[in-house]
């Protein structure tokens, strides 16, 4: 998504509203609010619009914004001018991707990291339509690097210090792009050995976001994967 600083991302040419909601309850998104954008989590879908006296209009999403705002907001329409997927930004080499990364950076980051420099990973990135997302393979090239200098220039109204300007990973994608991974979370970055490239949220409704996954190995046995802890254990075949 490329937009003027602080402005909502535009819709691609020929955009049409999706036939089904792009996001589900619990999905991480960015929402346009007064003064910029803020990350949060989808709490409710298809809610009545309290501003519509007829009771016919529906709100596609109600989102709980992250701290320090921490309140519920209504998303009036299901398109990128109002609400966009939280992904690892930067794959297209657009300067504005740093804006999106800074909007998403949490105020507190855990000190431990799941991956080290050189680790092969799968990162969540925008798909070609910008409306959905996919897993893309890459290699970690930096861990725990500071964005403080850029942050103070780009978003001077926000108080930045050493703790809240640390980006967990910088990843070079196999397709040549570079992405910032602003949270060390299984919904944004996974071990490539456990998560193959492919759709993450797609127009046909397919989703690949669950923390726990049960799959069959090449030898016919079954295993359960925890994409957050990276633990893998053998399990009986599903009934």
C-alpha atoms as a PDB file:
ATOM      1  CA  UNK A   1       0.000   0.000   0.000  1.00  0.00           C
ATOM      2  CA  UNK A   2       1.472   3.316  -1.047  1.00  0.00           C
ATOM      3  CA  UNK A   3      -0.183   6.551   0.045  1.00  0.00           C
ATOM      4  CA  UNK A   4       0.715  10.105   0.996  1.00  0.00           C
ATOM      5  CA  UNK A   5       2.004  10.257   4.594  1.00  0.00           C
ATOM      6  CA  UNK A   6      -0.790   9.931   7.119  1.00  0.00           C
ATOM      7  CA  UNK A   7      -3.497   9.371   4.497  1.00  0.00           C
ATOM      8  CA  UNK A   8      -5.690   6.306   4.066  1.00  0.00           C
ATOM      9  CA  UNK A   9      -4.438   3.828   1.482  1.00  0.00           C
ATOM     10  CA  UNK A  10      -6.357   4.106  -1.787  1.00  0.00           C
ATOM     11  CA  UNK A  11      -8.251   1.335  -3.520  1.00  0.00           C
ATOM     12  CA  UNK A  12      -6.717  -0.254  -6.630  1.00  0.00           C
ATOM     13  CA  UNK A  13      -8.188   0.616 -10.064  1.00  0.00           C
ATOM     14  CA  UNK A  14     -11.504  -1.082 -10.686  1.00  0.00           C
ATOM     15  CA  UNK A  15     -11.977  -1.853  -6.993  1.00  0.00           C
ATOM     16  CA  UNK A  16     -15.207  -3.562  -6.002  1.00  0.00           C
ATOM     17  CA  UNK A  17     -16.265  -4.373  -2.444  1.00  0.00           C
ATOM     18  CA  UNK A  18     -15.411  -7.973  -1.558  1.00  0.00           C
ATOM     19  CA  UNK A  19     -18.279 -10.503  -1.761  1.00  0.00           C
ATOM     20  CA  UNK A  20     -17.598 -11.556   1.837  1.00  0.00           C
ATOM     21  CA  UNK A  21     -15.922  -9.836   4.790  1.00  0.00           C
ATOM     22  CA  UNK A  22     -12.160  -9.776   4.303  1.00  0.00           C
ATOM     23  CA  UNK A  23     -11.479 -10.203   8.007  1.00  0.00           C
ATOM     24  CA  UNK A  24     -12.773 -12.427  10.785  1.00  0.00           C
ATOM     25  CA  UNK A  25     -13.088 -11.999  14.521  1.00  0.00           C
ATOM     26  CA  UNK A  26      -9.629 -11.854  16.080  1.00  0.00           C
ATOM     27  CA  UNK A  27      -7.825 -10.669  12.925  1.00  0.00           C
ATOM     28  CA  UNK A  28      -5.212  -7.940  13.270  1.00  0.00           C
ATOM     29  CA  UNK A  29      -5.909  -4.793  11.210  1.00  0.00           C
ATOM     30  CA  UNK A  30      -5.026  -1.117  10.828  1.00  0.00           C
ATOM     31  CA  UNK A  31      -7.830   1.422  11.086  1.00  0.00           C
ATOM     32  CA  UNK A  32      -8.041   5.024   9.932  1.00  0.00           C
ATOM     33  CA  UNK A  33      -8.663   7.317  12.891  1.00  0.00           C
ATOM     34  CA  UNK A  34      -8.322  11.020  13.486  1.00  0.00           C
ATOM     35  CA  UNK A  35      -4.646  11.914  13.354  1.00  0.00           C
ATOM     36  CA  UNK A  36      -3.480   8.878  11.425  1.00  0.00           C
ATOM     37  CA  UNK A  37      -3.803   5.115  11.675  1.00  0.00           C
ATOM     38  CA  UNK A  38      -3.761   2.681  14.566  1.00  0.00           C
ATOM     39  CA  UNK A  39      -3.487  -1.108  14.852  1.00  0.00           C
ATOM     40  CA  UNK A  40      -6.040  -3.276  16.600  1.00  0.00           C
ATOM     41  CA  UNK A  41      -8.041  -6.494  16.605  1.00  0.00           C
ATOM     42  CA  UNK A  42     -11.441  -7.246  15.074  1.00  0.00           C
ATOM     43  CA  UNK A  43     -13.933  -7.858  17.896  1.00  0.00           C
ATOM     44  CA  UNK A  44     -17.322  -7.910  16.123  1.00  0.00           C
ATOM     45  CA  UNK A  45     -18.656  -8.351  12.578  1.00  0.00           C
ATOM     46  CA  UNK A  46     -21.795  -7.131  10.833  1.00  0.00           C
ATOM     47  CA  UNK A  47     -23.046  -4.967  13.701  1.00  0.00           C
ATOM     48  CA  UNK A  48     -26.013  -2.566  13.516  1.00  0.00           C
ATOM     49  CA  UNK A  49     -24.974   1.013  12.767  1.00  0.00           C
ATOM     50  CA  UNK A  50     -26.222   3.117  15.708  1.00  0.00           C
ATOM     51  CA  UNK A  51     -26.239   6.242  13.504  1.00  0.00           C
ATOM     52  CA  UNK A  52     -28.813   4.706  11.110  1.00  0.00           C
ATOM     53  CA  UNK A  53     -32.358   5.359  12.397  1.00  0.00           C
ATOM     54  CA  UNK A  54     -33.803   2.757   9.995  1.00  0.00           C
ATOM     55  CA  UNK A  55     -31.744  -0.013  11.568  1.00  0.00           C
ATOM     56  CA  UNK A  56     -30.879  -1.390   8.126  1.00  0.00           C
ATOM     57  CA  UNK A  57     -27.263  -0.322   7.767  1.00  0.00           C
ATOM     58  CA  UNK A  58     -24.593  -2.688   9.058  1.00  0.00           C
ATOM     59  CA  UNK A  59     -21.042  -1.990  10.175  1.00  0.00           C
ATOM     60  CA  UNK A  60     -18.657  -4.570   8.731  1.00  0.00           C
ATOM     61  CA  UNK A  61     -16.331  -4.477  11.764  1.00  0.00           C
ATOM     62  CA  UNK A  62     -15.942  -3.227  15.302  1.00  0.00           C
ATOM     63  CA  UNK A  63     -12.253  -3.069  16.226  1.00  0.00           C
ATOM     64  CA  UNK A  64     -10.523  -2.839  19.617  1.00  0.00           C
ATOM     65  CA  UNK A  65      -7.537  -0.524  19.149  1.00  0.00           C
ATOM     66  CA  UNK A  66      -4.225  -1.316  20.810  1.00  0.00           C
ATOM     67  CA  UNK A  67      -2.837   0.657  23.744  1.00  0.00           C
ATOM     68  CA  UNK A  68      -2.540   3.478  24.507  1.00  0.00           C
ATOM     69  CA  UNK A  69      -5.929   4.197  22.863  1.00  0.00           C
ATOM     70  CA  UNK A  70      -7.487   0.886  23.838  1.00  0.00           C
ATOM     71  CA  UNK A  71     -11.071   1.606  22.814  1.00  0.00           C
ATOM     72  CA  UNK A  72     -13.637   0.154  20.423  1.00  0.00           C
ATOM     73  CA  UNK A  73     -14.227   1.884  17.092  1.00  0.00           C
ATOM     74  CA  UNK A  74     -16.654   1.261  14.239  1.00  0.00           C
ATOM     75  CA  UNK A  75     -15.369   0.559  10.736  1.00  0.00           C
ATOM     76  CA  UNK A  76     -17.976   1.980   8.328  1.00  0.00           C
ATOM     77  CA  UNK A  77     -16.890   0.215   5.122  1.00  0.00           C
ATOM     78  CA  UNK A  78     -14.900  -2.864   4.183  1.00  0.00           C
ATOM     79  CA  UNK A  79     -12.145  -1.345   2.063  1.00  0.00           C
ATOM     80  CA  UNK A  80      -8.630  -0.015   2.494  1.00  0.00           C
ATOM     81  CA  UNK A  81      -9.686   3.598   3.011  1.00  0.00           C
ATOM     82  CA  UNK A  82     -11.033   2.510   6.401  1.00  0.00           C
ATOM     83  CA  UNK A  83      -9.418  -0.762   7.364  1.00  0.00           C
ATOM     84  CA  UNK A  84      -6.408  -2.677   6.059  1.00  0.00           C
ATOM     85  CA  UNK A  85      -4.656  -5.917   6.935  1.00  0.00           C
ATOM     86  CA  UNK A  86      -1.745  -5.722   9.367  1.00  0.00           C
ATOM     87  CA  UNK A  87       1.187  -7.291   7.506  1.00  0.00           C
ATOM     88  CA  UNK A  88       4.956  -6.883   7.260  1.00  0.00           C
ATOM     89  CA  UNK A  89       5.331  -3.730   5.201  1.00  0.00           C
ATOM     90  CA  UNK A  90       8.101  -2.845   2.783  1.00  0.00           C
ATOM     91  CA  UNK A  91       8.066  -5.580   0.143  1.00  0.00           C
ATOM     92  CA  UNK A  92       7.537  -3.082  -2.687  1.00  0.00           C
ATOM     93  CA  UNK A  93      10.303  -0.734  -1.674  1.00  0.00           C
ATOM     94  CA  UNK A  94       7.893   2.146  -1.081  1.00  0.00           C
ATOM     95  CA  UNK A  95       8.989   4.847   1.361  1.00  0.00           C
ATOM     96  CA  UNK A  96       5.513   5.054   2.880  1.00  0.00           C
ATOM     97  CA  UNK A  97       5.842   1.459   4.099  1.00  0.00           C
ATOM     98  CA  UNK A  98       7.945   2.828   6.950  1.00  0.00           C
ATOM     99  CA  UNK A  99       4.904   4.878   7.993  1.00  0.00           C
ATOM    100  CA  UNK A 100       2.744   1.761   8.212  1.00  0.00           C
ATOM    101  CA  UNK A 101       5.433  -0.023  10.225  1.00  0.00           C
ATOM    102  CA  UNK A 102       5.661   2.825  12.722  1.00  0.00           C
ATOM    103  CA  UNK A 103       1.878   2.952  13.077  1.00  0.00           C
ATOM    104  CA  UNK A 104       1.953  -0.768  13.965  1.00  0.00           C
ATOM    105  CA  UNK A 105       4.913  -0.789  16.362  1.00  0.00           C
ATOM    106  CA  UNK A 106       3.657  -1.799  19.815  1.00  0.00           C
ATOM    107  CA  UNK A 107       4.592   0.351  22.803  1.00  0.00           C
ATOM    108  CA  UNK A 108       6.104  -2.653  24.557  1.00  0.00           C
ATOM    109  CA  UNK A 109       8.151  -5.462  23.000  1.00  0.00           C
ATOM    110  CA  UNK A 110       9.328  -8.697  24.638  1.00  0.00           C
ATOM    111  CA  UNK A 111      13.116  -8.985  24.835  1.00  0.00           C
ATOM    112  CA  UNK A 112      13.415 -12.552  23.568  1.00  0.00           C
ATOM    113  CA  UNK A 113      13.229 -13.412  19.877  1.00  0.00           C
ATOM    114  CA  UNK A 114      12.200 -16.654  18.189  1.00  0.00           C
ATOM    115  CA  UNK A 115      14.533 -16.256  15.199  1.00  0.00           C
ATOM    116  CA  UNK A 116      18.157 -15.255  14.677  1.00  0.00           C
ATOM    117  CA  UNK A 117      19.996 -13.575  11.839  1.00  0.00           C
ATOM    118  CA  UNK A 118      20.130 -15.887   8.835  1.00  0.00           C
ATOM    119  CA  UNK A 119      16.996 -17.850   9.781  1.00  0.00           C
ATOM    120  CA  UNK A 120      14.687 -18.805   6.922  1.00  0.00           C
ATOM    121  CA  UNK A 121      11.170 -17.516   7.555  1.00  0.00           C
ATOM    122  CA  UNK A 122       7.774 -16.885   5.987  1.00  0.00           C
ATOM    123  CA  UNK A 123       6.445 -13.328   6.316  1.00  0.00           C
ATOM    124  CA  UNK A 124       2.912 -12.005   5.975  1.00  0.00           C
ATOM    125  CA  UNK A 125       2.770  -9.521   3.084  1.00  0.00           C
ATOM    126  CA  UNK A 126       0.147  -7.885   0.875  1.00  0.00           C
ATOM    127  CA  UNK A 127      -1.119  -9.850  -2.096  1.00  0.00           C
ATOM    128  CA  UNK A 128      -1.178  -8.163  -5.563  1.00  0.00           C
ATOM    129  CA  UNK A 129      -4.668  -6.738  -4.929  1.00  0.00           C
ATOM    130  CA  UNK A 130      -3.689  -5.131  -1.571  1.00  0.00           C
ATOM    131  CA  UNK A 131      -6.990  -6.405  -0.174  1.00  0.00           C
ATOM    132  CA  UNK A 132      -5.681  -9.733   1.076  1.00  0.00           C
ATOM    133  CA  UNK A 133      -2.395 -11.267   2.197  1.00  0.00           C
ATOM    134  CA  UNK A 134      -0.013 -14.157   1.580  1.00  0.00           C
ATOM    135  CA  UNK A 135       3.008 -15.886   3.117  1.00  0.00           C
ATOM    136  CA  UNK A 136       6.269 -15.030   1.369  1.00  0.00           C
ATOM    137  CA  UNK A 137       9.661 -16.711   1.949  1.00  0.00           C
ATOM    138  CA  UNK A 138      12.729 -14.776   3.075  1.00  0.00           C
ATOM    139  CA  UNK A 139      15.788 -14.604   5.300  1.00  0.00           C
ATOM    140  CA  UNK A 140      16.261 -12.597   8.515  1.00  0.00           C
ATOM    141  CA  UNK A 141      19.037 -10.034   7.946  1.00  0.00           C
ATOM    142  CA  UNK A 142      18.701  -7.914  11.108  1.00  0.00           C
ATOM    143  CA  UNK A 143      17.338  -8.538  14.611  1.00  0.00           C
ATOM    144  CA  UNK A 144      16.237  -5.919  17.178  1.00  0.00           C
ATOM    145  CA  UNK A 145      17.236  -2.823  15.233  1.00  0.00           C
ATOM    146  CA  UNK A 146      16.166   0.713  16.101  1.00  0.00           C
ATOM    147  CA  UNK A 147      13.806   2.891  14.037  1.00  0.00           C
ATOM    148  CA  UNK A 148      14.007   5.743  16.545  1.00  0.00           C
ATOM    149  CA  UNK A 149      15.782   8.224  14.271  1.00  0.00           C
ATOM    150  CA  UNK A 150      13.313   7.746  11.421  1.00  0.00           C
ATOM    151  CA  UNK A 151      10.367   7.631  13.820  1.00  0.00           C
ATOM    152  CA  UNK A 152      11.171  11.028  15.335  1.00  0.00           C
ATOM    153  CA  UNK A 153      11.248  12.564  11.859  1.00  0.00           C
ATOM    154  CA  UNK A 154       8.139  10.877  10.491  1.00  0.00           C
ATOM    155  CA  UNK A 155       5.859  10.886  13.554  1.00  0.00           C
ATOM    156  CA  UNK A 156       7.232  13.655  15.798  1.00  0.00           C
ATOM    157  CA  UNK A 157       4.007  13.955  17.812  1.00  0.00           C
ATOM    158  CA  UNK A 158       4.493  10.477  19.282  1.00  0.00           C
ATOM    159  CA  UNK A 159       6.947  10.051  22.133  1.00  0.00           C
ATOM    160  CA  UNK A 160       9.743   7.729  20.996  1.00  0.00           C
ATOM    161  CA  UNK A 161      12.412   6.136  23.120  1.00  0.00           C
ATOM    162  CA  UNK A 162      14.763   3.196  22.817  1.00  0.00           C
ATOM    163  CA  UNK A 163      12.153   0.664  23.966  1.00  0.00           C
ATOM    164  CA  UNK A 164       9.202   1.538  21.730  1.00  0.00           C
ATOM    165  CA  UNK A 165      11.183   2.062  18.516  1.00  0.00           C
ATOM    166  CA  UNK A 166      12.760  -1.393  18.275  1.00  0.00           C
ATOM    167  CA  UNK A 167      11.752  -3.490  15.254  1.00  0.00           C
ATOM    168  CA  UNK A 168      12.201  -7.233  15.912  1.00  0.00           C
ATOM    169  CA  UNK A 169      13.246  -8.255  12.392  1.00  0.00           C
ATOM    170  CA  UNK A 170      14.240  -6.992   8.985  1.00  0.00           C
ATOM    171  CA  UNK A 171      13.745  -9.686   6.354  1.00  0.00           C
ATOM    172  CA  UNK A 172      14.955  -9.948   2.779  1.00  0.00           C
ATOM    173  CA  UNK A 173      12.337 -11.775   0.732  1.00  0.00           C
ATOM    174  CA  UNK A 174      13.336 -14.278  -1.910  1.00  0.00           C
ATOM    175  CA  UNK A 175      11.623 -12.065  -4.497  1.00  0.00           C
ATOM    176  CA  UNK A 176      14.075  -9.251  -3.665  1.00  0.00           C
ATOM    177  CA  UNK A 177      11.838  -7.169  -1.394  1.00  0.00           C
ATOM    178  CA  UNK A 178      12.707  -6.069   2.140  1.00  0.00           C
ATOM    179  CA  UNK A 179      10.105  -6.041   4.911  1.00  0.00           C
ATOM    180  CA  UNK A 180       9.951  -4.801   8.479  1.00  0.00           C
ATOM    181  CA  UNK A 181       8.519  -7.302  10.970  1.00  0.00           C
ATOM    182  CA  UNK A 182       7.182  -4.999  13.689  1.00  0.00           C
ATOM    183  CA  UNK A 183       5.977  -7.748  16.070  1.00  0.00           C
ATOM    184  CA  UNK A 184       7.476 -11.171  16.764  1.00  0.00           C
ATOM    185  CA  UNK A 185       4.146 -12.926  16.337  1.00  0.00           C
ATOM    186  CA  UNK A 186       3.041 -16.046  14.481  1.00  0.00           C
ATOM    187  CA  UNK A 187       0.479 -14.060  12.487  1.00  0.00           C
ATOM    188  CA  UNK A 188       3.318 -12.008  10.942  1.00  0.00           C
ATOM    189  CA  UNK A 189       6.375 -14.278  10.814  1.00  0.00           C
ATOM    190  CA  UNK A 190       6.802 -18.057  10.897  1.00  0.00           C
ATOM    191  CA  UNK A 191       9.514 -20.662  10.466  1.00  0.00           C
ATOM    192  CA  UNK A 192       9.690 -21.434   6.729  1.00  0.00           C
ATOM    193  CA  UNK A 193      10.186 -25.118   7.539  1.00  0.00           C
ATOM    194  CA  UNK A 194       6.739 -25.089   9.177  1.00  0.00           C
ATOM    195  CA  UNK A 195       4.920 -22.583   6.938  1.00  0.00           C
ATOM    196  CA  UNK A 196       5.154 -22.805   3.147  1.00  0.00           C
ATOM    197  CA  UNK A 197       4.579 -19.867   0.819  1.00  0.00           C
ATOM    198  CA  UNK A 198       0.981 -19.333  -0.237  1.00  0.00           C
ATOM    199  CA  UNK A 199      -2.305 -17.618   0.636  1.00  0.00           C
ATOM    200  CA  UNK A 200      -2.749 -16.254   4.156  1.00  0.00           C
ATOM    201  CA  UNK A 201      -6.106 -14.507   3.696  1.00  0.00           C
ATOM    202  CA  UNK A 202      -7.544 -14.856   0.207  1.00  0.00           C
ATOM    203  CA  UNK A 203     -10.564 -13.672  -1.755  1.00  0.00           C
ATOM    204  CA  UNK A 204     -12.052 -17.179  -1.863  1.00  0.00           C
ATOM    205  CA  UNK A 205     -12.224 -17.256   1.937  1.00  0.00           C
ATOM    206  CA  UNK A 206      -9.202 -19.495   2.534  1.00  0.00           C
ATOM    207  CA  UNK A 207      -7.286 -18.578   5.669  1.00  0.00           C
ATOM    208  CA  UNK A 208      -3.929 -19.636   7.081  1.00  0.00           C
ATOM    209  CA  UNK A 209      -3.605 -17.781  10.391  1.00  0.00           C
ATOM    210  CA  UNK A 210      -4.188 -20.329  13.133  1.00  0.00           C
ATOM    211  CA  UNK A 211      -1.503 -20.748  15.752  1.00  0.00           C
ATOM    212  CA  UNK A 212      -2.039 -24.514  15.931  1.00  0.00           C
ATOM    213  CA  UNK A 213      -1.996 -26.661  12.809  1.00  0.00           C
ATOM    214  CA  UNK A 214      -2.357 -30.410  12.332  1.00  0.00           C
ATOM    215  CA  UNK A 215      -0.903 -31.800   9.122  1.00  0.00           C
ATOM    216  CA  UNK A 216       0.208 -35.050   7.514  1.00  0.00           C
ATOM    217  CA  UNK A 217       3.895 -35.656   6.897  1.00  0.00           C
ATOM    218  CA  UNK A 218       5.359 -37.145   3.721  1.00  0.00           C
ATOM    219  CA  UNK A 219       5.792 -40.492   5.486  1.00  0.00           C
ATOM    220  CA  UNK A 220       2.063 -40.646   6.270  1.00  0.00           C
ATOM    221  CA  UNK A 221       2.309 -39.801   9.982  1.00  0.00           C
ATOM    222  CA  UNK A 222       0.609 -36.767  11.506  1.00  0.00           C
ATOM    223  CA  UNK A 223       2.002 -33.875  13.515  1.00  0.00           C
ATOM    224  CA  UNK A 224       0.719 -30.838  15.406  1.00  0.00           C
ATOM    225  CA  UNK A 225       2.573 -27.537  14.960  1.00  0.00           C
ATOM    226  CA  UNK A 226       2.516 -24.568  17.316  1.00  0.00           C
ATOM    227  CA  UNK A 227       3.553 -21.669  15.063  1.00  0.00           C
ATOM    228  CA  UNK A 228       4.155 -19.412  18.052  1.00  0.00           C
ATOM    229  CA  UNK A 229       6.427 -21.637  20.137  1.00  0.00           C
ATOM    230  CA  UNK A 230       7.715 -23.574  17.062  1.00  0.00           C
ATOM    231  CA  UNK A 231       7.033 -26.844  18.876  1.00  0.00           C
ATOM    232  CA  UNK A 232       6.181 -29.867  16.730  1.00  0.00           C
ATOM    233  CA  UNK A 233       4.909 -33.185  18.083  1.00  0.00           C
ATOM    234  CA  UNK A 234       3.552 -36.369  16.583  1.00  0.00           C
ATOM    235  CA  UNK A 235      -0.188 -36.985  16.976  1.00  0.00           C
ATOM    236  CA  UNK A 236      -2.621 -39.758  16.001  1.00  0.00           C
ATOM    237  CA  UNK A 237      -4.413 -39.424  12.664  1.00  0.00           C
ATOM    238  CA  UNK A 238      -7.536 -37.268  12.894  1.00  0.00           C
ATOM    239  CA  UNK A 239     -10.809 -39.128  13.107  1.00  0.00           C
END
